[in-house]
């Protein structure tokens, strides 16, 4: 029964993340934490995200923006290694709170700002962004769709965003899994749970890419920012005890 619940929630999260440009871990992190403990979140989510994004890369290989990917590459490598190793030594509950607030501010800036883009972004800036995102992801399991506004303002929409994100996510998760394994944070049970999440991605990605192909760019942006807003609220809700402590 637990595997069925994990599989169904994983399917829904993968489908939503396909049509919203990412963020599937945000539905899965609370579930994995509740079912298997907080210590399982990072290795289980990482395993599942690796498998599901490999399939996405198969669907959208021709849509990858390689210039962005190559600029992110060094930051992703260094950030993933540092984040995975730092996980063993510090507990940054407040980091998820900061990310949640940041997501809501991005949504407010988009909805109440003027123009199609809220800021300009140069390709080289994906290097530090890739580092920061990968480092934070290594610490808390996922940063949600925090990179989506950057991709949108750069001009990557729909298949291009999903493909480019998948390319960078795969590299980051391979590095993190190697680090988790070397530190003893990855065991057989965690791998099995991750495989369930990854397996659920296959039908969800197939259905999601069909729906994505029917969406207009404007609708995609609206759905993406709605999901960013929901992600921010969920992150704040998970840290409600920390907020109440203030």
Protein backbone atom coordinates (compact mmCIF):
# COMPACT_ATOMS: atom_id res chain seq x y z
CA UNK A 1 0.00 0.00 0.00
CA UNK A 2 2.75 2.58 0.80
CA UNK A 3 4.27 1.92 -2.65
CA UNK A 4 0.88 2.53 -4.29
CA UNK A 5 0.48 5.86 -2.49
CA UNK A 6 4.03 6.87 -3.40
CA UNK A 7 3.46 5.86 -7.03
CA UNK A 8 0.15 7.74 -7.41
CA UNK A 9 1.47 10.94 -5.83
CA UNK A 10 4.62 10.65 -7.94
CA UNK A 11 2.56 10.33 -11.14
CA UNK A 12 0.54 13.45 -10.30
CA UNK A 13 3.64 15.44 -9.34
CA UNK A 14 5.51 14.50 -12.53
CA UNK A 15 2.52 15.38 -14.72
CA UNK A 16 2.01 18.76 -13.04
CA UNK A 17 5.70 19.56 -13.19
CA UNK A 18 5.77 18.81 -16.92
CA UNK A 19 3.05 21.33 -17.77
CA UNK A 20 4.31 23.85 -15.18
CA UNK A 21 8.01 23.69 -16.02
CA UNK A 22 9.20 21.69 -13.01
CA UNK A 23 8.78 21.43 -9.26
CA UNK A 24 7.70 17.80 -8.84
CA UNK A 25 9.75 17.28 -5.64
CA UNK A 26 7.63 19.78 -3.72
CA UNK A 27 4.71 17.33 -3.65
CA UNK A 28 6.99 14.41 -2.90
CA UNK A 29 9.25 15.80 -0.17
CA UNK A 30 6.51 16.01 2.51
CA UNK A 31 5.26 12.52 1.59
CA UNK A 32 8.71 10.90 1.65
CA UNK A 33 9.52 12.64 4.93
CA UNK A 34 6.26 11.43 6.50
CA UNK A 35 6.53 7.86 5.21
CA UNK A 36 10.26 7.16 5.54
CA UNK A 37 11.73 9.93 7.71
CA UNK A 38 13.48 13.22 7.01
CA UNK A 39 16.82 11.50 6.47
CA UNK A 40 15.39 9.66 3.45
CA UNK A 41 14.27 12.79 1.60
CA UNK A 42 17.49 13.84 -0.16
CA UNK A 43 18.65 10.38 -1.41
CA UNK A 44 15.14 9.14 -2.33
CA UNK A 45 14.10 12.31 -4.16
CA UNK A 46 17.46 12.50 -5.92
CA UNK A 47 17.16 8.90 -7.18
CA UNK A 48 13.63 9.45 -8.45
CA UNK A 49 14.41 12.79 -10.09
CA UNK A 50 17.39 11.30 -11.91
CA UNK A 51 15.30 8.54 -13.51
CA UNK A 52 12.37 10.75 -14.46
CA UNK A 53 14.52 13.48 -15.98
CA UNK A 54 16.47 10.98 -18.08
CA UNK A 55 13.18 10.14 -19.78
CA UNK A 56 12.39 13.83 -20.26
CA UNK A 57 15.74 14.29 -21.94
CA UNK A 58 14.80 11.49 -24.34
CA UNK A 59 11.60 13.35 -25.29
CA UNK A 60 13.14 16.80 -25.63
CA UNK A 61 16.79 16.30 -26.61
CA UNK A 62 16.50 18.60 -29.61
CA UNK A 63 15.03 21.40 -27.47
CA UNK A 64 18.00 21.75 -25.08
CA UNK A 65 19.54 25.23 -24.99
CA UNK A 66 23.17 24.11 -24.93
CA UNK A 67 24.69 27.53 -24.32
CA UNK A 68 22.74 27.88 -21.07
CA UNK A 69 23.50 24.27 -20.13
CA UNK A 70 27.24 24.68 -20.64
CA UNK A 71 27.36 27.89 -18.60
CA UNK A 72 25.48 26.18 -15.77
CA UNK A 73 27.68 23.11 -15.89
CA UNK A 74 30.62 24.28 -13.67
CA UNK A 75 28.26 25.79 -11.09
CA UNK A 76 26.12 22.65 -11.02
CA UNK A 77 29.16 20.41 -10.49
CA UNK A 78 30.68 22.44 -7.66
CA UNK A 79 27.35 23.30 -6.01
CA UNK A 80 26.11 19.71 -6.06
CA UNK A 81 29.30 18.37 -4.49
CA UNK A 82 29.42 21.01 -1.76
CA UNK A 83 25.71 20.73 -1.00
CA UNK A 84 25.73 16.94 -0.74
CA UNK A 85 28.75 16.88 1.56
CA UNK A 86 27.55 19.82 3.67
CA UNK A 87 24.27 17.97 4.29
CA UNK A 88 26.10 15.77 6.81
CA UNK A 89 27.24 18.68 8.93
CA UNK A 90 24.51 21.32 9.06
CA UNK A 91 20.72 21.54 9.18
CA UNK A 92 19.34 24.56 7.34
CA UNK A 93 15.61 24.55 8.04
CA UNK A 94 15.57 28.29 7.45
CA UNK A 95 16.83 27.84 3.90
CA UNK A 96 13.50 26.41 2.75
CA UNK A 97 11.78 29.39 4.38
CA UNK A 98 13.98 31.83 2.47
CA UNK A 99 13.33 30.01 -0.81
CA UNK A 100 9.56 30.02 -0.20
CA UNK A 101 9.53 33.77 0.41
CA UNK A 102 11.72 34.31 -2.66
CA UNK A 103 9.30 32.34 -4.85
CA UNK A 104 6.35 34.44 -3.71
CA UNK A 105 8.28 37.66 -4.33
CA UNK A 106 9.10 36.48 -7.85
CA UNK A 107 5.43 35.80 -8.54
CA UNK A 108 4.41 39.20 -7.18
CA UNK A 109 7.07 40.87 -9.31
CA UNK A 110 5.81 39.06 -12.43
CA UNK A 111 2.09 39.60 -11.87
CA UNK A 112 2.30 43.22 -10.72
CA UNK A 113 5.31 44.29 -12.77
CA UNK A 114 5.29 45.72 -16.26
CA UNK A 115 6.36 44.08 -19.49
CA UNK A 116 6.89 40.53 -20.64
CA UNK A 117 10.04 40.06 -18.57
CA UNK A 118 10.74 41.26 -15.04
CA UNK A 119 14.53 41.33 -15.40
CA UNK A 120 17.17 40.79 -18.04
CA UNK A 121 19.51 37.84 -17.84
CA UNK A 122 22.79 37.15 -19.59
CA UNK A 123 23.92 33.63 -20.36
CA UNK A 124 27.00 33.76 -18.09
CA UNK A 125 24.77 34.49 -15.11
CA UNK A 126 23.52 30.91 -15.21
CA UNK A 127 26.90 29.87 -13.80
CA UNK A 128 26.39 31.43 -10.33
CA UNK A 129 22.67 30.64 -10.48
CA UNK A 130 23.46 26.99 -11.20
CA UNK A 131 25.88 26.90 -8.28
CA UNK A 132 23.44 28.42 -5.80
CA UNK A 133 20.54 26.27 -6.91
CA UNK A 134 22.55 23.03 -6.87
CA UNK A 135 24.10 23.80 -3.48
CA UNK A 136 20.73 24.53 -1.89
CA UNK A 137 19.19 21.48 -3.56
CA UNK A 138 21.92 19.28 -2.07
CA UNK A 139 21.02 20.55 1.39
CA UNK A 140 17.21 20.33 1.39
CA UNK A 141 16.46 17.87 -1.45
CA UNK A 142 14.90 20.37 -3.85
CA UNK A 143 14.65 24.12 -4.38
CA UNK A 144 11.39 23.77 -6.27
CA UNK A 145 10.84 25.87 -9.39
CA UNK A 146 13.12 28.68 -8.20
CA UNK A 147 15.05 28.68 -11.50
CA UNK A 148 11.90 28.99 -13.63
CA UNK A 149 11.72 32.81 -13.60
CA UNK A 150 15.33 32.92 -14.78
CA UNK A 151 14.59 30.57 -17.68
CA UNK A 152 11.42 32.47 -18.62
CA UNK A 153 13.14 35.87 -18.58
CA UNK A 154 15.95 34.42 -20.68
CA UNK A 155 13.35 33.29 -23.21
CA UNK A 156 13.13 29.54 -22.57
CA UNK A 157 9.54 28.32 -22.60
CA UNK A 158 7.72 24.99 -22.73
CA UNK A 159 9.87 22.22 -24.23
CA UNK A 160 13.04 24.35 -24.17
CA UNK A 161 12.69 25.00 -20.43
CA UNK A 162 11.84 21.40 -19.55
CA UNK A 163 14.71 20.05 -21.67
CA UNK A 164 17.35 22.48 -20.41
CA UNK A 165 16.33 21.96 -16.79
CA UNK A 166 16.41 18.18 -17.24
CA UNK A 167 19.95 18.28 -18.66
CA UNK A 168 21.26 20.16 -15.65
CA UNK A 169 19.20 18.21 -13.12
CA UNK A 170 20.56 14.89 -14.37
CA UNK A 171 24.16 15.99 -13.88
CA UNK A 172 23.44 17.43 -10.43
CA UNK A 173 21.65 14.28 -9.27
CA UNK A 174 24.36 11.94 -10.52
CA UNK A 175 26.92 13.93 -8.52
CA UNK A 176 24.72 14.03 -5.42
CA UNK A 177 24.00 10.29 -5.54
CA UNK A 178 27.72 9.54 -5.72
CA UNK A 179 28.31 11.82 -2.73
CA UNK A 180 25.43 10.31 -0.73
CA UNK A 181 26.71 6.80 -1.45
CA UNK A 182 30.26 7.67 -0.40
CA UNK A 183 28.96 9.15 2.87
CA UNK A 184 26.71 6.18 3.62
CA UNK A 185 23.49 8.14 3.11
CA UNK A 186 22.25 5.90 0.28
CA UNK A 187 21.00 2.40 1.07
CA UNK A 188 19.01 -0.29 -0.75
CA UNK A 189 15.64 0.82 0.67
CA UNK A 190 16.18 4.42 -0.41
CA UNK A 191 17.09 3.29 -3.91
CA UNK A 192 13.90 1.21 -4.15
CA UNK A 193 11.72 4.15 -3.03
CA UNK A 194 13.48 6.35 -5.58
CA UNK A 195 12.91 3.81 -8.35
CA UNK A 196 9.15 3.84 -7.56
CA UNK A 197 9.16 7.64 -7.98
CA UNK A 198 11.15 7.36 -11.20
CA UNK A 199 8.94 4.62 -12.63
CA UNK A 200 5.82 6.71 -12.04
CA UNK A 201 7.43 9.46 -14.12
CA UNK A 202 7.32 7.39 -17.33
CA UNK A 203 3.54 7.50 -17.99
CA UNK A 204 3.25 10.97 -16.42
CA UNK A 205 5.96 12.40 -18.68
CA UNK A 206 4.35 10.82 -21.75
CA UNK A 207 0.96 12.35 -20.94
CA UNK A 208 2.52 15.64 -19.84
CA UNK A 209 4.53 16.17 -23.01
CA UNK A 210 1.38 15.67 -25.08
CA UNK A 211 -0.51 18.30 -23.04
CA UNK A 212 2.52 20.62 -23.16
CA UNK A 213 2.56 20.50 -26.96
CA UNK A 214 -1.03 21.82 -27.00
CA UNK A 215 -0.34 24.77 -24.67
CA UNK A 216 0.41 28.30 -25.87
CA UNK A 217 3.44 30.16 -24.54
CA UNK A 218 1.24 32.60 -22.63
CA UNK A 219 -0.74 29.81 -20.98
CA UNK A 220 2.50 28.02 -20.09
CA UNK A 221 3.85 31.14 -18.36
CA UNK A 222 0.62 31.61 -16.43
CA UNK A 223 0.59 27.98 -15.27
CA UNK A 224 4.28 28.17 -14.38
CA UNK A 225 3.88 31.21 -12.15
CA UNK A 226 0.74 29.80 -10.52
CA UNK A 227 2.76 26.70 -9.64
CA UNK A 228 5.64 28.86 -8.38
CA UNK A 229 3.16 30.63 -6.08
CA UNK A 230 1.77 27.32 -4.82
CA UNK A 231 5.32 26.03 -4.29
CA UNK A 232 6.21 29.09 -2.22
CA UNK A 233 3.13 28.67 -0.04
CA UNK A 234 3.88 24.95 0.49
CA UNK A 235 7.45 25.72 1.53
CA UNK A 236 6.25 28.31 4.05
CA UNK A 237 3.63 25.86 5.37
CA UNK A 238 6.28 23.19 5.93
CA UNK A 239 8.25 25.71 7.97
CA UNK A 240 5.23 27.06 9.88
CA UNK A 241 6.68 26.03 13.24
CA UNK A 242 9.80 28.04 12.51
CA UNK A 243 7.65 31.01 11.51
CA UNK A 244 5.52 30.74 14.64
CA UNK A 245 8.70 30.62 16.72
CA UNK A 246 9.52 34.10 15.53
